[in-house]
Amino acid sequence: MNYRKFLIAALLVMSFAVQAKDITITRLTCEMQEGLVTTSDTPRLGWQMSSPENGTRQTAYEIEVRDVWAGKVVWNSGKVKSA
C-alpha cells in the first residue's frame, strides 16, 4: 500500500515538473512571513516565480495542503486563474 502512495506522489510531482519546466518557485510566504505561521483566518499565501526564459508568466495556480504524516489532502484551492 505504501508503494502505491509513493507511486501516486511521484506521478503528481512528475506532472508538475512537466508543466513547470525550468520555472523555480521561491520565497514561499504565509501572512508575508517565511517559515511556520499560525493563523486563524484565511491565510494570505505568496511566492516568487523565476524562469530563464523571457516572457514566462503565471496564468493560474493551485495550492494543496497535505497532512505530512497521513499524506491526506487537508485543503485544496482548486485551479485559480491569476496573473
Protein backbone atom coordinates (compact mmCIF):
# COMPACT_ATOMS: atom_id res chain seq x y z
CA MET A 1 0.00 0.00 0.00
CA ASN A 2 2.85 2.42 0.81
CA TYR A 3 4.38 1.66 -2.59
CA ARG A 4 1.12 2.71 -4.25
CA LYS A 5 1.06 6.04 -2.34
CA PHE A 6 4.69 6.65 -3.29
CA LEU A 7 3.95 5.94 -6.95
CA ILE A 8 0.95 8.31 -6.97
CA ALA A 9 3.02 11.04 -5.28
CA ALA A 10 5.85 10.54 -7.78
CA LEU A 11 3.46 10.82 -10.73
CA LEU A 12 1.99 14.03 -9.32
CA VAL A 13 5.45 15.55 -8.88
CA MET A 14 6.47 14.49 -12.38
CA SER A 15 3.34 16.06 -13.92
CA PHE A 16 4.10 19.33 -12.11
CA ALA A 17 7.68 19.23 -13.36
CA VAL A 18 6.50 18.81 -16.96
CA GLN A 19 4.12 21.75 -16.71
CA ALA A 20 6.65 23.94 -14.92
CA LYS A 21 9.82 23.16 -16.84
CA ASP A 22 12.70 25.46 -15.83
CA ILE A 23 10.42 27.51 -13.54
CA THR A 24 11.62 27.99 -9.98
CA ILE A 25 9.29 28.89 -7.11
CA THR A 26 10.99 30.59 -4.14
CA ARG A 27 10.19 32.73 -1.11
CA LEU A 28 7.08 30.83 -0.04
CA THR A 29 5.24 33.03 2.46
CA CYS A 30 2.18 32.94 4.69
CA GLU A 31 0.93 36.25 6.07
CA MET A 32 4.02 37.85 4.49
CA GLN A 33 6.35 35.72 6.64
CA GLU A 34 8.61 32.85 5.63
CA GLY A 35 8.55 29.69 7.74
CA LEU A 36 5.86 28.36 10.05
CA VAL A 37 3.00 30.74 10.75
CA THR A 38 -0.17 30.23 12.79
CA THR A 39 -3.30 31.99 11.60
CA SER A 40 -6.96 31.68 12.49
CA ASP A 41 -8.30 33.41 9.39
CA THR A 42 -7.90 32.60 5.72
CA PRO A 43 -4.13 32.88 5.20
CA ARG A 44 -2.58 35.12 2.58
CA LEU A 45 -0.09 33.00 0.68
CA GLY A 46 2.66 34.26 -1.59
CA TRP A 47 5.59 33.12 -3.71
CA GLN A 48 8.08 34.36 -6.27
CA MET A 49 8.50 32.70 -9.63
CA SER A 50 11.58 32.89 -11.84
CA SER A 51 12.43 31.44 -15.23
CA PRO A 52 15.46 31.70 -17.52
CA GLU A 53 13.12 32.42 -20.45
CA ASN A 54 11.85 35.96 -21.06
CA GLY A 55 8.09 36.36 -21.10
CA THR A 56 7.31 33.43 -18.80
CA ARG A 57 4.28 34.27 -16.71
CA GLN A 58 1.84 32.73 -14.32
CA THR A 59 -1.70 32.25 -15.61
CA ALA A 60 -3.13 30.11 -12.80
CA TYR A 61 -2.25 28.37 -9.58
CA GLU A 62 -3.46 25.53 -7.37
CA ILE A 63 -2.46 25.14 -3.75
CA GLU A 64 -2.82 21.83 -1.95
CA VAL A 65 -2.19 21.36 1.76
CA ARG A 66 -1.44 17.83 2.96
CA ASP A 67 -1.06 16.20 6.34
CA VAL A 68 2.63 15.27 6.29
CA TRP A 69 2.21 12.10 8.33
CA ALA A 70 -1.03 10.74 6.83
CA GLY A 71 -0.43 12.03 3.31
CA LYS A 72 -4.06 13.09 3.10
CA VAL A 73 -5.23 16.31 1.46
CA VAL A 74 -6.40 18.76 4.14
CA TRP A 75 -7.32 21.60 1.79
CA ASN A 76 -7.17 22.34 -1.95
CA SER A 77 -7.80 25.72 -3.56
CA GLY A 78 -8.77 24.20 -6.90
CA LYS A 79 -7.40 25.81 -10.04
CA VAL A 80 -7.50 29.59 -9.74
CA LYS A 81 -6.86 31.77 -12.79
CA SER A 82 -4.44 34.51 -11.78
CA ALA A 83 -1.80 36.79 -13.17
